[in-house]
Amino acid sequence: MILSLGTAQLGLKYGIANRVGMLSTRQAFEILDAAWRNDIHALDTAPSYGKSEERIGKYLRRHPSHDFHVTTKISVLDGTHIDTTSGESKKRLGKIDSILYHCLGCDEQAINTLDPRYADGISLYNKREISFTHQGFKSYQMPYSALDQRNDFAIKYISAIGIKVQARSLLLQGLVAFEPEDCPIVGAAPYLEKLRKIASDYSMNIIELCVRWVWELPISVAIVGAETVKQVEQIAEYYSRGLLPRPLAKRVYKVGDRKENIPEMAISPRMWGAHYDFTFKEQGDG
């Protein structure tokens, strides 16, 4: 498994907890520097991420030795315009190593039109969408987090038949960093409180728990966003610690969606209705 930097926050006011607003180009470059320095050598971007592709392209031209693996997601309702859109992305980025269809709002018919000859994979949301998808794709990108375990079986199945799985939304756009009493999403606070208690019992914070949770399933790429150099360093360090202790993981499974039927609104950023700002509060290890 490799760690990939999600880059929506490099080009948008993104994330539900943002307190810094739109990053400058200098700040974006500092984050990319920190990612490369901390062995995060893959980037996940999209034309819909505002200035993200443009800024990544400028950075790569300035730092040709930083050969990030760049994946971009093309938002289409069918596959007919992907060549034009991906061509525009390549002009901005300078290179593209992998293209994914991004199926936001695609129905069954639209998903069926997406041709794996023109993209390496597809970004989906649930196992129902997977059932509509052509089996020729090399990779699927799906949401996955300590609180959102709805796709666990699908992830195991996809991996077992040789398709790579990319996991996103590990931190739920920074929602997991909110103190429960400050949580802006109705219904999420009780579950955040439970995760915090579990993490505290094992002398870690909730961010470490949620980053390391990705080791629970056969994931090929784990995508995590960050807005500061310190956050990049922190995420890389947590990720490097590997699997969570088994007693802790068992407790998390009891909190996750499969056991407690968490309301979808509490764990689905696409339902929150807007692009929010993104960051998380610095926390201690206790």
Foldseek 3Di string as FASTA:
>chain_A
DAEEEEQLQQAAQFFADADPGRDDLVLSLLQVVLCLVLRRQEYEEEPVSHCRLQSQQVSCVVPVVSRGAYEYEYEDLAQPCLVVRVVVSCVRNVDHNFYEYEDDPHDLVRQLRHDQVRGQYYEDEAVVSVVSHDPPHQEYEYEDELAACRCVVVLQVCVVVRHAYEYECLCVRVQLQDQLVPRPFPQQSVLSVQLQVLQVVVQAGSLLVSLQCVLVHRHDYYYDYARGSVVSNVSSVSNVVHHDPPVSSVSSVCSHCVNPVGDPSNRDSVPPPDGHHGHHDDDGRD
